[in-house]
N, C-alpha and C. Protein backbone atom coordinates (compact mmCIF):
# COMPACT_ATOMS: atom_id res chain seq x y z
N UNK A 1 90.77 17.32 -38.01
CA UNK A 1 89.29 17.27 -37.69
C UNK A 1 88.65 16.21 -37.46
N UNK A 2 87.65 16.55 -36.85
CA UNK A 2 86.67 15.90 -35.96
C UNK A 2 85.49 15.35 -36.55
N UNK A 3 84.66 14.38 -36.51
CA UNK A 3 83.51 14.14 -37.18
C UNK A 3 82.84 14.26 -36.85
N UNK A 4 81.68 15.10 -37.60
CA UNK A 4 80.20 15.94 -37.22
C UNK A 4 79.37 14.47 -37.76
N UNK A 5 77.67 14.77 -37.30
CA UNK A 5 76.80 13.79 -37.41
C UNK A 5 76.77 13.00 -39.19
N UNK A 6 76.72 11.96 -39.63
CA UNK A 6 76.12 11.49 -40.60
C UNK A 6 77.60 11.35 -41.66
N UNK A 7 78.81 11.18 -40.84
CA UNK A 7 80.02 11.29 -42.17
C UNK A 7 80.69 12.24 -42.10
N UNK A 8 79.76 13.45 -41.93
CA UNK A 8 80.51 14.58 -42.21
C UNK A 8 81.89 15.09 -41.58
N UNK A 9 82.82 15.58 -42.29
CA UNK A 9 83.83 15.97 -41.19
C UNK A 9 83.50 17.42 -40.75
N UNK A 10 83.94 18.01 -39.81
CA UNK A 10 84.11 19.51 -39.14
C UNK A 10 85.00 19.97 -39.81
N UNK A 11 84.40 21.33 -40.28
CA UNK A 11 85.31 22.39 -40.92
C UNK A 11 85.58 23.47 -40.12
N UNK A 12 87.21 23.89 -39.95
CA UNK A 12 87.08 25.77 -40.06
C UNK A 12 87.32 26.40 -40.95
N UNK A 13 86.65 27.73 -40.99
CA UNK A 13 86.49 28.25 -41.83
C UNK A 13 86.34 29.99 -41.32
N UNK A 14 87.32 30.59 -41.78
CA UNK A 14 87.00 32.06 -41.06
C UNK A 14 87.01 32.50 -39.50
N UNK A 15 87.51 31.18 -39.42
CA UNK A 15 87.52 31.35 -37.70
C UNK A 15 86.55 30.32 -36.99
N UNK A 16 85.58 29.96 -37.81
CA UNK A 16 84.58 29.14 -37.16
C UNK A 16 84.48 27.96 -38.05
N UNK A 17 83.94 27.04 -36.72
CA UNK A 17 83.85 25.44 -36.88
C UNK A 17 82.23 25.32 -37.53
N UNK A 18 82.80 24.62 -38.89
CA UNK A 18 81.07 24.39 -39.60
C UNK A 18 81.02 22.73 -38.99
N UNK A 19 79.56 22.23 -39.10
CA UNK A 19 79.65 20.64 -39.23
C UNK A 19 80.08 20.03 -40.75
N UNK A 20 80.02 20.73 -41.78
CA UNK A 20 80.59 20.07 -42.73
C UNK A 20 81.10 21.56 -43.63
N UNK A 21 81.38 20.69 -44.71
CA UNK A 21 82.09 21.67 -45.94
C UNK A 21 80.91 22.41 -46.61
N UNK A 22 80.04 21.99 -46.81
CA UNK A 22 78.52 22.66 -47.36
C UNK A 22 78.00 23.48 -46.75
N UNK A 23 77.91 23.55 -45.18
CA UNK A 23 77.95 24.93 -44.26
C UNK A 23 78.62 25.71 -44.75
N UNK A 24 80.16 25.70 -44.53
CA UNK A 24 81.32 26.65 -45.23
C UNK A 24 81.00 27.11 -46.21
N UNK A 25 80.19 26.55 -47.23
CA UNK A 25 79.90 27.04 -48.60
C UNK A 25 78.89 27.80 -48.36
N UNK A 26 77.92 27.73 -47.98
CA UNK A 26 76.91 28.54 -47.90
C UNK A 26 77.05 29.95 -47.02
N UNK A 27 78.05 29.62 -45.77
CA UNK A 27 78.24 30.96 -45.42
C UNK A 27 79.02 31.24 -46.05
N UNK A 28 79.25 31.53 -46.93
CA UNK A 28 80.56 32.11 -47.91
C UNK A 28 79.37 32.83 -49.40
N UNK A 29 78.70 32.02 -49.72
CA UNK A 29 77.63 32.37 -50.29
C UNK A 29 76.54 33.75 -49.63
N UNK A 30 76.47 33.36 -47.99
CA UNK A 30 75.63 34.21 -47.26
C UNK A 30 76.35 35.53 -47.38
N UNK A 31 77.73 35.78 -46.91
CA UNK A 31 78.62 36.71 -47.59
C UNK A 31 78.42 37.27 -48.74
N UNK A 32 78.12 36.74 -49.64
CA UNK A 32 78.51 37.47 -51.10
C UNK A 32 76.89 38.27 -51.30
N UNK A 33 75.96 37.33 -50.55
CA UNK A 33 75.04 37.97 -51.04
C UNK A 33 74.72 39.02 -50.12
N UNK A 34 75.19 39.17 -48.51
CA UNK A 34 75.31 40.58 -48.32
C UNK A 34 76.18 41.58 -49.33
N UNK A 35 76.87 41.30 -49.13
CA UNK A 35 78.22 42.44 -49.98
C UNK A 35 77.27 42.94 -51.42
N UNK A 36 76.24 41.84 -52.12
CA UNK A 36 75.48 42.51 -52.59
C UNK A 36 74.13 43.07 -52.51
N UNK A 37 74.02 43.15 -51.43
CA UNK A 37 72.68 43.98 -50.58
C UNK A 37 71.73 43.19 -50.29
N UNK A 38 71.65 42.18 -51.22
CA UNK A 38 70.50 41.45 -50.90
C UNK A 38 70.18 40.74 -49.49
N UNK A 39 71.15 40.23 -48.67
CA UNK A 39 71.29 39.51 -47.24
C UNK A 39 71.63 41.14 -46.57
N UNK A 40 71.18 41.37 -45.47
CA UNK A 40 71.13 42.45 -44.49
C UNK A 40 72.00 41.91 -43.38
N UNK A 41 71.85 40.67 -42.82
CA UNK A 41 72.24 40.01 -41.74
C UNK A 41 72.06 38.40 -41.96
N UNK A 42 72.64 38.16 -41.15
CA UNK A 42 72.65 36.10 -40.93
C UNK A 42 72.97 36.00 -39.85
N UNK A 43 72.38 34.91 -39.17
CA UNK A 43 73.23 34.36 -37.80
C UNK A 43 73.25 32.61 -37.71
N UNK A 44 74.75 32.54 -37.35
CA UNK A 44 74.85 31.18 -37.36
C UNK A 44 74.45 30.55 -36.21
N UNK A 45 73.72 29.12 -36.16
CA UNK A 45 73.34 28.29 -35.28
C UNK A 45 72.23 28.60 -34.26
N UNK A 46 71.30 29.43 -34.82
CA UNK A 46 70.26 30.32 -34.33
C UNK A 46 69.05 29.03 -33.67
N UNK A 47 68.85 28.78 -31.96
CA UNK A 47 68.38 28.10 -31.52
C UNK A 47 66.99 28.17 -31.50
N UNK A 48 65.74 27.33 -31.41
CA UNK A 48 64.46 27.44 -31.04
C UNK A 48 63.72 26.54 -30.71
N UNK A 49 62.92 26.76 -29.63
CA UNK A 49 62.27 25.87 -28.64
C UNK A 49 61.30 25.37 -29.65
N UNK A 50 60.98 24.14 -29.72
CA UNK A 50 59.85 23.42 -30.32
C UNK A 50 59.13 23.01 -29.20
N UNK A 51 59.43 22.86 -28.27
CA UNK A 51 58.36 22.40 -26.78
C UNK A 51 59.13 22.72 -25.57
N UNK A 52 58.63 23.27 -25.03
CA UNK A 52 58.84 24.04 -23.97
C UNK A 52 59.03 22.98 -22.58
N UNK A 53 60.18 22.97 -21.64
CA UNK A 53 60.18 22.34 -20.75
C UNK A 53 58.74 22.43 -19.69
N UNK A 54 58.32 21.31 -19.10
CA UNK A 54 57.18 20.98 -18.56
C UNK A 54 56.99 19.88 -17.14
N UNK A 55 56.30 19.68 -16.37
CA UNK A 55 56.06 19.00 -15.34
C UNK A 55 54.47 18.36 -15.28
N UNK A 56 54.78 17.26 -15.22
CA UNK A 56 53.58 16.21 -15.57
C UNK A 56 53.62 15.15 -14.55
N UNK A 57 52.26 15.35 -13.36
CA UNK A 57 52.55 14.30 -12.61
C UNK A 57 53.73 13.88 -11.67
N UNK A 58 54.50 15.12 -11.38
CA UNK A 58 55.58 15.45 -10.73
C UNK A 58 56.87 14.65 -11.41
N UNK A 59 56.67 14.42 -12.69
CA UNK A 59 57.65 14.41 -13.74
C UNK A 59 58.13 15.48 -14.46
N UNK A 60 59.35 15.89 -14.52
CA UNK A 60 60.11 17.02 -15.47
C UNK A 60 60.21 16.40 -16.71
N UNK A 61 59.95 17.05 -17.38
CA UNK A 61 60.14 16.89 -19.06
C UNK A 61 61.33 17.82 -19.45
N UNK A 62 62.35 17.70 -20.36
CA UNK A 62 62.96 18.73 -20.51
C UNK A 62 62.61 19.18 -22.20
N UNK A 63 62.80 20.20 -22.19
CA UNK A 63 62.63 20.91 -23.71
C UNK A 63 62.96 20.49 -24.97
N UNK A 64 62.63 20.37 -25.83
CA UNK A 64 62.98 19.89 -27.36
C UNK A 64 63.26 21.16 -27.97
N UNK A 65 64.84 20.79 -28.61
CA UNK A 65 65.20 21.86 -28.97
C UNK A 65 65.80 21.93 -30.63
N UNK A 66 65.57 22.85 -31.20
CA UNK A 66 65.90 22.88 -32.53
C UNK A 66 67.11 23.62 -32.53
N UNK A 67 68.57 23.53 -33.37
CA UNK A 67 69.41 24.25 -33.54
C UNK A 67 69.88 24.83 -35.29
N UNK A 68 69.12 25.03 -35.95
CA UNK A 68 68.91 25.73 -37.06
C UNK A 68 70.99 25.63 -37.56
N UNK A 69 70.93 25.71 -39.16
CA UNK A 69 72.11 26.17 -39.01
C UNK A 69 72.42 27.96 -39.36
N UNK A 70 71.61 28.41 -40.10
CA UNK A 70 71.54 30.08 -40.50
C UNK A 70 69.95 30.51 -40.16
N UNK A 71 69.86 31.82 -39.83
CA UNK A 71 68.64 32.83 -39.71
C UNK A 71 69.34 33.59 -40.58
N UNK A 72 68.34 33.96 -41.88
CA UNK A 72 69.05 35.14 -42.57
C UNK A 72 67.86 36.12 -43.19
N UNK A 73 68.26 37.15 -42.94
CA UNK A 73 67.60 38.34 -43.02
C UNK A 73 67.62 39.23 -44.22
N UNK A 74 66.44 39.44 -45.48
CA UNK A 74 66.83 40.01 -46.66
C UNK A 74 66.39 41.52 -46.52
N UNK A 75 66.76 42.32 -47.76
CA UNK A 75 66.77 43.33 -47.64
C UNK A 75 65.72 43.95 -47.66
N UNK A 76 64.48 42.89 -48.90
CA UNK A 76 63.18 43.33 -48.98
C UNK A 76 62.31 42.54 -47.25
N UNK A 77 63.02 42.92 -46.56
CA UNK A 77 62.33 42.43 -45.29
C UNK A 77 62.13 41.25 -44.61
N UNK A 78 62.05 39.87 -45.59
CA UNK A 78 61.75 38.64 -45.52
C UNK A 78 62.80 38.02 -44.06
N UNK A 79 62.47 36.87 -43.63
CA UNK A 79 63.53 36.01 -42.98
C UNK A 79 63.63 34.86 -43.31
N UNK A 80 64.50 33.90 -43.45
CA UNK A 80 64.41 32.51 -43.40
C UNK A 80 65.55 31.88 -42.73
N UNK A 81 64.73 30.55 -42.12
CA UNK A 81 65.78 29.54 -41.13
C UNK A 81 66.29 28.66 -42.55
N UNK A 82 67.67 28.53 -42.35
CA UNK A 82 68.29 27.60 -43.32
C UNK A 82 68.68 26.54 -42.69
N UNK A 83 68.77 25.24 -43.28
CA UNK A 83 69.04 24.27 -42.42
C UNK A 83 69.77 23.38 -43.70
N UNK A 84 71.26 23.54 -44.12
CA UNK A 84 71.91 22.91 -45.03
C UNK A 84 71.99 20.84 -44.74
N UNK A 85 71.41 19.99 -45.66
CA UNK A 85 71.59 18.69 -45.31
C UNK A 85 71.99 18.50 -46.81
N UNK A 86 72.49 17.29 -46.71
CA UNK A 86 72.77 16.11 -47.24
C UNK A 86 71.89 15.14 -47.82
N UNK A 87 71.42 15.01 -46.64
CA UNK A 87 70.37 13.92 -46.35
C UNK A 87 68.82 14.24 -45.42
N UNK A 88 67.80 13.72 -45.28
CA UNK A 88 66.75 14.27 -44.39
C UNK A 88 66.23 12.98 -43.55
N UNK A 89 66.57 13.11 -42.29
CA UNK A 89 66.34 11.80 -41.56
C UNK A 89 64.82 11.97 -40.83
N UNK A 90 64.00 10.76 -40.33
CA UNK A 90 62.82 10.82 -39.64
C UNK A 90 62.72 11.96 -38.51
N UNK A 91 64.13 12.14 -37.84
CA UNK A 91 63.94 12.97 -36.84
C UNK A 91 63.79 13.94 -37.07
N UNK A 92 64.77 14.72 -37.91
CA UNK A 92 64.69 15.82 -38.60
C UNK A 92 62.98 16.13 -39.05
N UNK A 93 62.26 15.38 -39.78
CA UNK A 93 61.13 15.33 -40.60
C UNK A 93 60.30 15.78 -39.12
N UNK A 94 60.35 15.06 -38.06
CA UNK A 94 59.35 15.73 -36.83
C UNK A 94 60.17 17.13 -36.71
N UNK A 95 61.49 17.24 -35.97
CA UNK A 95 61.44 18.48 -35.74
C UNK A 95 60.83 19.58 -36.55
N UNK A 96 60.67 19.59 -38.36
CA UNK A 96 60.59 20.33 -39.04
C UNK A 96 59.31 20.68 -39.27
N UNK A 97 58.23 19.56 -38.88
CA UNK A 97 56.77 19.90 -38.45
C UNK A 97 56.77 20.83 -37.19
N UNK A 98 57.72 20.71 -35.95
CA UNK A 98 57.17 20.89 -35.00
C UNK A 98 57.28 22.70 -35.13
N UNK A 99 58.57 22.97 -35.85
CA UNK A 99 59.31 24.30 -36.73
C UNK A 99 58.10 24.80 -37.02
N UNK A 100 57.89 24.18 -38.31
CA UNK A 100 56.53 24.74 -38.78
C UNK A 100 55.25 25.09 -38.41
N UNK A 101 54.80 24.55 -37.31
CA UNK A 101 53.64 24.66 -36.56
C UNK A 101 53.93 25.78 -35.42
N UNK A 102 55.33 25.76 -35.20
CA UNK A 102 55.35 26.98 -33.62
C UNK A 102 55.95 28.36 -34.51
N UNK A 103 56.62 28.36 -35.44
CA UNK A 103 57.59 29.55 -35.59
C UNK A 103 56.92 30.25 -37.28
N UNK A 104 56.78 31.59 -37.43
CA UNK A 104 55.98 32.11 -38.89
C UNK A 104 57.23 32.04 -39.87
N UNK A 105 58.57 31.48 -39.96
CA UNK A 105 59.45 31.93 -40.35
C UNK A 105 59.70 30.73 -41.49
N UNK A 106 59.96 30.94 -42.91
CA UNK A 106 59.79 29.71 -43.36
C UNK A 106 61.24 28.87 -43.04
N UNK A 107 61.56 27.49 -43.34
CA UNK A 107 62.62 26.72 -42.91
C UNK A 107 62.54 26.18 -43.90
N UNK A 108 63.67 26.43 -44.76
CA UNK A 108 64.73 25.89 -46.29
C UNK A 108 65.78 24.96 -45.75
N UNK A 109 65.63 23.66 -46.12
CA UNK A 109 66.05 22.67 -46.30
C UNK A 109 67.04 22.66 -47.67
N UNK A 110 68.31 22.91 -47.66
CA UNK A 110 68.99 23.24 -48.87
C UNK A 110 70.32 22.32 -48.83
N UNK A 111 70.49 22.15 -50.31
CA UNK A 111 71.53 21.45 -50.59
C UNK A 111 72.49 22.13 -51.66
N UNK A 112 73.71 21.81 -51.93
CA UNK A 112 74.37 21.80 -53.34
C UNK A 112 74.33 21.15 -54.21
N UNK A 113 74.02 20.99 -55.38
CA UNK A 113 74.14 20.16 -56.66
C UNK A 113 74.49 20.88 -57.75
N UNK A 114 75.77 20.29 -57.73
CA UNK A 114 76.40 21.23 -59.42
C UNK A 114 75.47 21.13 -60.63
N UNK A 115 75.01 19.95 -60.36
CA UNK A 115 74.19 19.29 -61.82
C UNK A 115 72.89 20.48 -62.06
N UNK A 116 72.40 20.49 -60.71
CA UNK A 116 71.40 21.46 -61.13
C UNK A 116 71.33 22.99 -60.68
N UNK A 117 72.77 23.47 -61.15
CA UNK A 117 73.03 25.01 -60.47
C UNK A 117 73.62 25.65 -59.35
N UNK A 118 73.47 24.74 -58.70
CA UNK A 118 73.99 25.70 -57.25
C UNK A 118 73.03 24.85 -55.99
N UNK A 119 72.75 25.70 -55.44
CA UNK A 119 71.87 25.59 -53.67
C UNK A 119 70.47 25.51 -54.23
N UNK A 120 69.87 24.70 -53.81
CA UNK A 120 68.44 24.21 -54.26
C UNK A 120 68.05 23.19 -53.13
N UNK A 121 66.52 23.27 -53.17
CA UNK A 121 65.57 22.88 -51.90
C UNK A 121 65.92 21.23 -52.12
N UNK A 122 65.67 20.95 -50.97
CA UNK A 122 65.50 19.37 -50.92
C UNK A 122 64.49 18.77 -51.84
N UNK A 123 63.30 19.41 -52.30
CA UNK A 123 61.98 19.37 -52.59
C UNK A 123 62.40 19.77 -54.20
N UNK A 124 63.01 20.22 -54.59
CA UNK A 124 63.27 20.83 -56.09
C UNK A 124 64.48 19.75 -56.52
N UNK A 125 65.09 19.28 -55.67
CA UNK A 125 66.27 17.93 -55.93
C UNK A 125 65.61 17.04 -56.29
N UNK A 126 64.81 16.37 -55.06
CA UNK A 126 64.13 15.16 -55.17
C UNK A 126 62.86 15.35 -57.24
N UNK A 127 62.32 17.03 -57.09
CA UNK A 127 62.03 16.81 -58.81
C UNK A 127 62.65 16.60 -59.86
N UNK A 128 63.95 17.29 -59.68
CA UNK A 128 65.06 17.14 -60.77
C UNK A 128 65.38 15.71 -61.17
N UNK A 129 65.40 15.25 -59.90
CA UNK A 129 66.19 13.91 -60.01
C UNK A 129 65.15 12.89 -60.72
N UNK A 130 63.93 12.80 -60.42
CA UNK A 130 62.97 12.14 -61.08
C UNK A 130 62.54 12.28 -62.51
N UNK A 131 63.32 13.82 -63.03
CA UNK A 131 62.55 14.18 -64.11
C UNK A 131 64.00 13.45 -64.99
N UNK A 132 65.22 13.81 -64.17
CA UNK A 132 66.21 13.06 -64.93
C UNK A 132 66.18 11.73 -65.21
N UNK A 133 65.60 10.77 -64.08
CA UNK A 133 65.52 9.38 -63.95
C UNK A 133 64.18 9.05 -65.23
N UNK A 134 63.43 10.14 -65.05
CA UNK A 134 62.03 9.79 -66.12
C UNK A 134 62.71 9.76 -67.51
N UNK A 135 63.64 11.14 -68.01
CA UNK A 135 64.44 10.67 -69.23
C UNK A 135 65.17 10.08 -69.39
N UNK A 136 65.90 9.16 -68.32
CA UNK A 136 66.68 7.79 -68.82
C UNK A 136 65.87 6.71 -69.03
N UNK A 137 64.60 6.70 -68.61
CA UNK A 137 64.00 5.72 -69.03
C UNK A 137 63.07 5.79 -70.14
N UNK A 138 62.86 7.02 -70.39
CA UNK A 138 62.30 7.10 -72.12
C UNK A 138 63.30 6.86 -73.20
N UNK A 139 64.43 7.31 -73.18
CA UNK A 139 65.53 6.76 -73.47
C UNK A 139 65.98 5.69 -73.92
N UNK A 140 66.07 4.76 -72.81
CA UNK A 140 66.28 3.49 -73.12
C UNK A 140 65.01 2.59 -73.77
N UNK A 141 63.54 3.08 -73.46
CA UNK A 141 62.69 2.49 -74.33
C UNK A 141 62.41 2.70 -75.27
N UNK A 142 62.88 4.06 -75.88
CA UNK A 142 62.94 3.91 -77.42
C UNK A 142 63.51 3.31 -78.30
């Protein structure tokens, strides 16, 4: 197995190469939701143009693109763009901001947290960790 970004190991599952085991696990989760009729379809590695290529003063600039992990279409008609992340980098924060400005779909950053019940957004994870830390501090203070 080859190394992906940030120390993740690429994983081949169902004949598809994923950047991490967590991505492959989410793929299985989506297949489960599709079998239940909650998800109608999903795409792997959809590409979004955040800034098109352009030319200025004779210099050519390449487009800035972003490949998400999944686009998910739900039976109720809404669509989500999902990125599975163990950690969020500054570079990703900028891409997320550009995506949010340009595209109407919700961009969800998900991770898997067994202690928090499974798939959770990074914002929810931060809140849950803070609550756990606050509880620990209150227990040690008393």
